[in-house]
Each structure stands twice: as structure tokens, then as C-alpha cells.
PDB file of N, CA and C in Angstrom:
ATOM      1  N   UNK A   1       7.360  12.974 -83.999  1.00  0.00           N
ATOM      2  CA  UNK A   1       6.611  13.059 -85.022  1.00  0.00           C
ATOM      3  C   UNK A   1       4.967  12.990 -84.769  1.00  0.00           C
ATOM      4  N   UNK A   2       3.856  13.419 -84.345  1.00  0.00           N
ATOM      5  CA  UNK A   2       2.281  13.145 -84.210  1.00  0.00           C
ATOM      6  C   UNK A   2       1.740  11.103 -84.884  1.00  0.00           C
ATOM      7  N   UNK A   3       0.836  10.606 -84.549  1.00  0.00           N
ATOM      8  CA  UNK A   3       0.551  10.074 -85.499  1.00  0.00           C
ATOM      9  C   UNK A   3      -0.910  10.311 -84.475  1.00  0.00           C
ATOM     10  N   UNK A   4      -1.314   8.582 -85.370  1.00  0.00           N
ATOM     11  CA  UNK A   4      -3.067   9.328 -83.827  1.00  0.00           C
ATOM     12  C   UNK A   4      -3.245   7.632 -83.892  1.00  0.00           C
ATOM     13  N   UNK A   5      -4.869   6.408 -83.168  1.00  0.00           N
ATOM     14  CA  UNK A   5      -4.993   5.802 -83.084  1.00  0.00           C
ATOM     15  C   UNK A   5      -6.401   5.864 -83.975  1.00  0.00           C
ATOM     16  N   UNK A   6      -7.019   4.932 -84.400  1.00  0.00           N
ATOM     17  CA  UNK A   6      -8.202   5.359 -85.335  1.00  0.00           C
ATOM     18  C   UNK A   6      -9.127   4.464 -85.039  1.00  0.00           C
ATOM     19  N   UNK A   7     -10.291   4.547 -84.666  1.00  0.00           N
ATOM     20  CA  UNK A   7     -11.223   4.303 -84.298  1.00  0.00           C
ATOM     21  C   UNK A   7     -10.747   2.733 -84.091  1.00  0.00           C
ATOM     22  N   UNK A   8     -10.621   1.495 -85.871  1.00  0.00           N
ATOM     23  CA  UNK A   8     -10.484   0.316 -85.835  1.00  0.00           C
ATOM     24  C   UNK A   8      -8.664   0.522 -84.996  1.00  0.00           C
ATOM     25  N   UNK A   9      -8.549   0.707 -84.252  1.00  0.00           N
ATOM     26  CA  UNK A   9      -7.153   0.272 -83.739  1.00  0.00           C
ATOM     27  C   UNK A   9      -6.008   0.743 -84.431  1.00  0.00           C
ATOM     28  N   UNK A  10      -6.103   1.162 -85.520  1.00  0.00           N
ATOM     29  CA  UNK A  10      -4.391   1.356 -86.002  1.00  0.00           C
ATOM     30  C   UNK A  10      -4.089   2.560 -86.528  1.00  0.00           C
ATOM     31  N   UNK A  11      -2.838   2.307 -86.085  1.00  0.00           N
ATOM     32  CA  UNK A  11      -1.818   3.400 -86.206  1.00  0.00           C
ATOM     33  C   UNK A  11      -1.419   4.013 -87.337  1.00  0.00           C
ATOM     34  N   UNK A  12      -1.018   4.575 -88.454  1.00  0.00           N
ATOM     35  CA  UNK A  12      -0.031   5.407 -89.565  1.00  0.00           C
ATOM     36  C   UNK A  12       1.273   5.705 -89.284  1.00  0.00           C
ATOM     37  N   UNK A  13       2.397   4.551 -89.863  1.00  0.00           N
ATOM     38  CA  UNK A  13       3.486   4.818 -90.056  1.00  0.00           C
ATOM     39  C   UNK A  13       3.708   6.766 -90.695  1.00  0.00           C
ATOM     40  N   UNK A  14       4.252   7.985 -90.311  1.00  0.00           N
ATOM     41  CA  UNK A  14       3.458   9.175 -91.380  1.00  0.00           C
ATOM     42  C   UNK A  14       4.794   8.609 -92.255  1.00  0.00           C
ATOM     43  N   UNK A  15       4.256   9.415 -93.269  1.00  0.00           N
ATOM     44  CA  UNK A  15       4.941   9.203 -94.439  1.00  0.00           C
ATOM     45  C   UNK A  15       6.822   9.804 -94.794  1.00  0.00           C
ATOM     46  N   UNK A  16       6.863  10.470 -94.467  1.00  0.00           N
ATOM     47  CA  UNK A  16       7.880  11.283 -93.612  1.00  0.00           C
ATOM     48  C   UNK A  16       9.105   9.446 -93.612  1.00  0.00           C
ATOM     49  N   UNK A  17       8.553   9.330 -92.171  1.00  0.00           N
ATOM     50  CA  UNK A  17       9.533   7.450 -92.244  1.00  0.00           C
ATOM     51  C   UNK A  17       9.703   6.743 -93.059  1.00  0.00           C
ATOM     52  N   UNK A  18       7.972   6.201 -93.335  1.00  0.00           N
ATOM     53  CA  UNK A  18       7.778   4.912 -94.544  1.00  0.00           C
ATOM     54  C   UNK A  18       9.131   5.739 -95.871  1.00  0.00           C
ATOM     55  N   UNK A  19       9.335   7.004 -96.119  1.00  0.00           N
ATOM     56  CA  UNK A  19      10.651   6.439 -97.203  1.00  0.00           C
ATOM     57  C   UNK A  19      11.706   6.485 -97.484  1.00  0.00           C
ATOM     58  N   UNK A  20      12.173   6.954 -96.048  1.00  0.00           N
ATOM     59  CA  UNK A  20      13.145   6.643 -95.869  1.00  0.00           C
ATOM     60  C   UNK A  20      13.484   5.207 -95.140  1.00  0.00           C
ATOM     61  N   UNK A  21      13.042   5.125 -94.720  1.00  0.00           N
ATOM     62  CA  UNK A  21      12.978   2.892 -94.488  1.00  0.00           C
ATOM     63  C   UNK A  21      12.599   1.969 -95.296  1.00  0.00           C
ATOM     64  N   UNK A  22      12.238   2.978 -96.946  1.00  0.00           N
ATOM     65  CA  UNK A  22      11.901   1.956 -98.375  1.00  0.00           C
ATOM     66  C   UNK A  22      10.722   1.120 -97.011  1.00  0.00           C
ATOM     67  N   UNK A  23       9.335   1.422 -96.117  1.00  0.00           N
ATOM     68  CA  UNK A  23       8.104   1.098 -96.291  1.00  0.00           C
ATOM     69  C   UNK A  23       7.369   0.855 -97.488  1.00  0.00           C
ATOM     70  N   UNK A  24       6.741  -0.166 -97.838  1.00  0.00           N
ATOM     71  CA  UNK A  24       5.674  -0.724 -98.985  1.00  0.00           C
ATOM     72  C   UNK A  24       4.615  -1.348 -97.559  1.00  0.00           C
ATOM     73  N   UNK A  25       4.090  -1.039 -98.659  1.00  0.00           N
ATOM     74  CA  UNK A  25       2.162  -1.648 -98.288  1.00  0.00           C
ATOM     75  C   UNK A  25       2.586  -3.088 -98.046  1.00  0.00           C
ATOM     76  N   UNK A  26       2.294  -3.722 -97.289  1.00  0.00           N
ATOM     77  CA  UNK A  26       2.090  -4.839 -97.107  1.00  0.00           C
ATOM     78  C   UNK A  26       3.488  -5.091 -96.343  1.00  0.00           C
ATOM     79  N   UNK A  27       4.421  -5.145 -96.128  1.00  0.00           N
ATOM     80  CA  UNK A  27       5.366  -5.364 -94.873  1.00  0.00           C
ATOM     81  C   UNK A  27       4.480  -5.970 -93.512  1.00  0.00           C
ATOM     82  N   UNK A  28       5.222  -6.300 -92.922  1.00  0.00           N
ATOM     83  CA  UNK A  28       5.017  -7.108 -91.855  1.00  0.00           C
ATOM     84  C   UNK A  28       5.502  -6.370 -90.973  1.00  0.00           C
ATOM     85  N   UNK A  29       5.226  -5.701 -89.126  1.00  0.00           N
ATOM     86  CA  UNK A  29       6.070  -5.531 -88.072  1.00  0.00           C
ATOM     87  C   UNK A  29       5.184  -6.122 -87.276  1.00  0.00           C
ATOM     88  N   UNK A  30       6.676  -6.407 -86.453  1.00  0.00           N
ATOM     89  CA  UNK A  30       6.697  -7.183 -85.051  1.00  0.00           C
ATOM     90  C   UNK A  30       5.764  -5.616 -83.414  1.00  0.00           C
ATOM     91  N   UNK A  31       5.270  -5.233 -82.976  1.00  0.00           N
ATOM     92  CA  UNK A  31       4.921  -4.383 -81.818  1.00  0.00           C
ATOM     93  C   UNK A  31       5.215  -5.832 -80.282  1.00  0.00           C
ATOM     94  N   UNK A  32       5.884  -4.715 -80.542  1.00  0.00           N
ATOM     95  CA  UNK A  32       6.992  -5.207 -78.043  1.00  0.00           C
ATOM     96  C   UNK A  32       5.967  -4.081 -77.510  1.00  0.00           C
ATOM     97  N   UNK A  33       5.272  -4.534 -76.849  1.00  0.00           N
ATOM     98  CA  UNK A  33       4.669  -3.069 -75.140  1.00  0.00           C
ATOM     99  C   UNK A  33       6.434  -3.843 -74.327  1.00  0.00           C
ATOM    100  N   UNK A  34       6.746  -2.339 -74.256  1.00  0.00           N
ATOM    101  CA  UNK A  34       8.015  -2.618 -73.376  1.00  0.00           C
ATOM    102  C   UNK A  34       8.302  -2.258 -71.888  1.00  0.00           C
ATOM    103  N   UNK A  35       6.712  -0.848 -72.018  1.00  0.00           N
ATOM    104  CA  UNK A  35       6.498  -0.493 -70.539  1.00  0.00           C
ATOM    105  C   UNK A  35       5.148   0.177 -71.357  1.00  0.00           C
ATOM    106  N   UNK A  36       4.280   0.251 -69.802  1.00  0.00           N
ATOM    107  CA  UNK A  36       2.677   0.954 -70.212  1.00  0.00           C
ATOM    108  C   UNK A  36       3.251   2.320 -71.018  1.00  0.00           C
ATOM    109  N   UNK A  37       2.449   2.349 -72.013  1.00  0.00           N
ATOM    110  CA  UNK A  37       2.243   2.782 -72.954  1.00  0.00           C
ATOM    111  C   UNK A  37       3.411   3.053 -74.200  1.00  0.00           C
ATOM    112  N   UNK A  38       4.508   2.151 -73.747  1.00  0.00           N
ATOM    113  CA  UNK A  38       6.019   2.422 -74.061  1.00  0.00           C
ATOM    114  C   UNK A  38       6.280   1.986 -75.341  1.00  0.00           C
ATOM    115  N   UNK A  39       5.733   1.191 -76.261  1.00  0.00           N
ATOM    116  CA  UNK A  39       6.153   0.365 -77.507  1.00  0.00           C
ATOM    117  C   UNK A  39       7.138   0.516 -78.526  1.00  0.00           C
ATOM    118  N   UNK A  40       7.836  -0.485 -78.711  1.00  0.00           N
ATOM    119  CA  UNK A  40       8.819  -0.504 -80.299  1.00  0.00           C
ATOM    120  C   UNK A  40       8.269  -1.437 -81.118  1.00  0.00           C
ATOM    121  N   UNK A  41       8.538  -1.121 -82.688  1.00  0.00           N
ATOM    122  CA  UNK A  41       8.465  -1.624 -83.160  1.00  0.00           C
ATOM    123  C   UNK A  41       9.504  -1.792 -84.793  1.00  0.00           C
ATOM    124  N   UNK A  42       9.312  -2.999 -85.015  1.00  0.00           N
ATOM    125  CA  UNK A  42      10.405  -3.709 -85.868  1.00  0.00           C
ATOM    126  C   UNK A  42       9.639  -4.812 -86.651  1.00  0.00           C
ATOM    127  N   UNK A  43      10.495  -3.593 -87.856  1.00  0.00           N
ATOM    128  CA  UNK A  43       9.333  -4.244 -89.273  1.00  0.00           C
ATOM    129  C   UNK A  43      10.493  -5.714 -89.488  1.00  0.00           C
ATOM    130  N   UNK A  44       9.962  -6.845 -89.762  1.00  0.00           N
ATOM    131  CA  UNK A  44      10.505  -8.804 -89.740  1.00  0.00           C
ATOM    132  C   UNK A  44      11.314  -8.106 -91.374  1.00  0.00           C
ATOM    133  N   UNK A  45      12.175  -9.179 -91.103  1.00  0.00           N
ATOM    134  CA  UNK A  45      12.188  -9.140 -92.243  1.00  0.00           C
ATOM    135  C   UNK A  45      12.238 -10.286 -93.354  1.00  0.00           C
ATOM    136  N   UNK A  46      12.136 -10.459 -94.493  1.00  0.00           N
ATOM    137  CA  UNK A  46      12.040 -10.614 -95.738  1.00  0.00           C
ATOM    138  C   UNK A  46      12.862 -11.469 -96.289  1.00  0.00           C
ATOM    139  N   UNK A  47      11.410 -12.436 -96.443  1.00  0.00           N
ATOM    140  CA  UNK A  47      12.230 -14.343 -96.585  1.00  0.00           C
ATOM    141  C   UNK A  47      12.075 -13.640 -98.321  1.00  0.00           C
ATOM    142  N   UNK A  48      13.982 -14.095 -98.146  1.00  0.00           N
ATOM    143  CA  UNK A  48      14.870 -13.893 -99.274  1.00  0.00           C
ATOM    144  C   UNK A  48      13.720 -13.761-100.908  1.00  0.00           C
ATOM    145  N   UNK A  49      13.917 -15.698-101.189  1.00  0.00           N
ATOM    146  CA  UNK A  49      13.321 -15.801-102.088  1.00  0.00           C
ATOM    147  C   UNK A  49      11.390 -15.492-102.863  1.00  0.00           C
ATOM    148  N   UNK A  50      11.088 -14.759-101.142  1.00  0.00           N
ATOM    149  CA  UNK A  50       9.200 -14.960-101.605  1.00  0.00           C
ATOM    150  C   UNK A  50       9.391 -13.882-102.528  1.00  0.00           C
ATOM    151  N   UNK A  51       8.390 -14.620-103.172  1.00  0.00           N
ATOM    152  CA  UNK A  51       7.706 -13.865-104.739  1.00  0.00           C
ATOM    153  C   UNK A  51       8.865 -15.013-106.094  1.00  0.00           C
ATOM    154  N   UNK A  52       9.701 -15.080-106.098  1.00  0.00           N
ATOM    155  CA  UNK A  52      10.306 -15.658-106.816  1.00  0.00           C
ATOM    156  C   UNK A  52       8.967 -16.683-108.049  1.00  0.00           C
ATOM    157  N   UNK A  53       8.776 -17.585-107.268  1.00  0.00           N
ATOM    158  CA  UNK A  53       7.774 -18.600-107.949  1.00  0.00           C
ATOM    159  C   UNK A  53       6.772 -17.656-108.912  1.00  0.00           C
ATOM    160  N   UNK A  54       6.802 -16.658-108.245  1.00  0.00           N
ATOM    161  CA  UNK A  54       5.236 -16.432-108.728  1.00  0.00           C
ATOM    162  C   UNK A  54       5.469 -15.498-109.904  1.00  0.00           C
ATOM    163  N   UNK A  55       6.686 -14.570-110.058  1.00  0.00           N
ATOM    164  CA  UNK A  55       7.333 -14.118-110.796  1.00  0.00           C
ATOM    165  C   UNK A  55       7.904 -14.498-111.684  1.00  0.00           C
ATOM    166  N   UNK A  56       9.006 -16.366-112.145  1.00  0.00           N
ATOM    167  CA  UNK A  56       8.817 -17.276-112.549  1.00  0.00           C
ATOM    168  C   UNK A  56       7.961 -17.301-114.134  1.00  0.00           C
ATOM    169  N   UNK A  57       6.644 -18.063-113.062  1.00  0.00           N
ATOM    170  CA  UNK A  57       5.617 -17.708-113.415  1.00  0.00           C
ATOM    171  C   UNK A  57       4.421 -16.233-114.684  1.00  0.00           C
ATOM    172  N   UNK A  58       4.967 -16.017-114.212  1.00  0.00           N
ATOM    173  CA  UNK A  58       4.824 -13.854-115.052  1.00  0.00           C
ATOM    174  C   UNK A  58       5.507 -14.015-116.134  1.00  0.00           C
ATOM    175  N   UNK A  59       6.629 -14.517-116.540  1.00  0.00           N
ATOM    176  CA  UNK A  59       7.938 -13.951-117.965  1.00  0.00           C
ATOM    177  C   UNK A  59       6.354 -15.293-118.877  1.00  0.00           C
ATOM    178  N   UNK A  60       6.775 -13.451-120.124  1.00  0.00           N
ATOM    179  CA  UNK A  60       5.546 -13.183-120.663  1.00  0.00           C
ATOM    180  C   UNK A  60       6.035 -14.296-121.865  1.00  0.00           C
ATOM    181  N   UNK A  61       7.213 -14.887-121.860  1.00  0.00           N
ATOM    182  CA  UNK A  61       7.506 -16.262-122.826  1.00  0.00           C
ATOM    183  C   UNK A  61       6.946 -17.541-122.126  1.00  0.00           C
ATOM    184  N   UNK A  62       6.292 -17.776-123.308  1.00  0.00           N
ATOM    185  CA  UNK A  62       5.505 -18.653-122.850  1.00  0.00           C
ATOM    186  C   UNK A  62       6.247 -20.321-122.578  1.00  0.00           C
ATOM    187  N   UNK A  63       6.074 -21.253-121.731  1.00  0.00           N
ATOM    188  CA  UNK A  63       7.520 -22.167-121.469  1.00  0.00           C
ATOM    189  C   UNK A  63       8.427 -22.505-121.126  1.00  0.00           C
ATOM    190  N   UNK A  64       8.298 -20.898-120.572  1.00  0.00           N
ATOM    191  CA  UNK A  64      10.143 -20.867-119.873  1.00  0.00           C
ATOM    192  C   UNK A  64      10.071 -21.611-118.742  1.00  0.00           C
ATOM    193  N   UNK A  65       9.573 -21.289-118.000  1.00  0.00           N
ATOM    194  CA  UNK A  65      10.486 -22.572-116.388  1.00  0.00           C
ATOM    195  C   UNK A  65       8.700 -23.564-116.530  1.00  0.00           C
ATOM    196  N   UNK A  66       9.760 -24.902-117.215  1.00  0.00           N
ATOM    197  CA  UNK A  66       8.503 -26.614-115.984  1.00  0.00           C
ATOM    198  C   UNK A  66       8.847 -26.906-115.308  1.00  0.00           C
ATOM    199  N   UNK A  67       8.845 -27.882-114.902  1.00  0.00           N
ATOM    200  CA  UNK A  67       8.978 -28.700-113.757  1.00  0.00           C
ATOM    201  C   UNK A  67      10.249 -29.549-114.913  1.00  0.00           C
ATOM    202  N   UNK A  68      10.823 -29.946-114.154  1.00  0.00           N
ATOM    203  CA  UNK A  68      11.918 -30.702-114.442  1.00  0.00           C
ATOM    204  C   UNK A  68      11.951 -32.384-113.444  1.00  0.00           C
ATOM    205  N   UNK A  69      12.143 -33.866-113.847  1.00  0.00           N
ATOM    206  CA  UNK A  69      12.754 -34.561-113.220  1.00  0.00           C
ATOM    207  C   UNK A  69      13.361 -34.314-112.160  1.00  0.00           C
ATOM    208  N   UNK A  70      13.476 -34.941-110.801  1.00  0.00           N
ATOM    209  CA  UNK A  70      15.147 -35.037-110.306  1.00  0.00           C
ATOM    210  C   UNK A  70      14.910 -36.135-110.099  1.00  0.00           C
ATOM    211  N   UNK A  71      16.139 -36.486-109.935  1.00  0.00           N
ATOM    212  CA  UNK A  71      17.317 -37.476-109.315  1.00  0.00           C
ATOM    213  C   UNK A  71      17.579 -37.057-107.817  1.00  0.00           C
ATOM    214  N   UNK A  72      17.903 -38.496-106.776  1.00  0.00           N
ATOM    215  CA  UNK A  72      18.619 -38.470-105.434  1.00  0.00           C
ATOM    216  C   UNK A  72      19.395 -37.292-105.521  1.00  0.00           C
ATOM    217  N   UNK A  73      19.689 -37.144-104.835  1.00  0.00           N
ATOM    218  CA  UNK A  73      20.779 -36.977-104.456  1.00  0.00           C
ATOM    219  C   UNK A  73      21.949 -38.072-103.381  1.00  0.00           C
ATOM    220  N   UNK A  74      21.106 -38.945-103.201  1.00  0.00           N
ATOM    221  CA  UNK A  74      21.609 -40.224-102.192  1.00  0.00           C
ATOM    222  C   UNK A  74      22.620 -41.162-102.876  1.00  0.00           C
ATOM    223  N   UNK A  75      22.541 -40.536-104.235  1.00  0.00           N
ATOM    224  CA  UNK A  75      23.660 -41.832-105.545  1.00  0.00           C
ATOM    225  C   UNK A  75      24.531 -41.146-105.641  1.00  0.00           C
ATOM    226  N   UNK A  76      24.228 -39.042-105.743  1.00  0.00           N
ATOM    227  CA  UNK A  76      25.541 -39.056-106.271  1.00  0.00           C
ATOM    228  C   UNK A  76      26.758 -39.269-104.936  1.00  0.00           C
TER     229      UNK A  76
END
């Protein structure tokens, strides 16, 4: 599949590939240079709990998520 480098140096990943691999806006990739003109694009793993705190704080029920005092595990 063909793609073009923009004047800003951006490369568009074709929509067909994005749909097949469920690539979403904002996801990060690593680009490796293998050889002259030969590159590899690898999607970075998304941290497992990324966004959980924002999701909890966005709960429509007020005071659903509140900070609590915790004890040290040294005494357990």
C-alpha cells in the first residue's frame, strides 16, 4: 500500500491498516531504521491502568471515589 510523507515529515498509516489493527488516535509507535530506506514501525504497549483514575473521577455519582488513609504494610 502506498503512502506519502507530508511537508511536516508525517507519514499516514493507511485507514485499512488502522482498522485491521485497531490503531487509535494518540497511540504511540517506535520507528526503527533497519537500513537505508528500510524502516520498521512498532506500536508501543499501552500501560495497563492508563486512564483508570480519570475514569473513576468522571463517575457521575458524586463522592464515588475518595482518597482514604492507609496504613503501612510494615506492621502486617
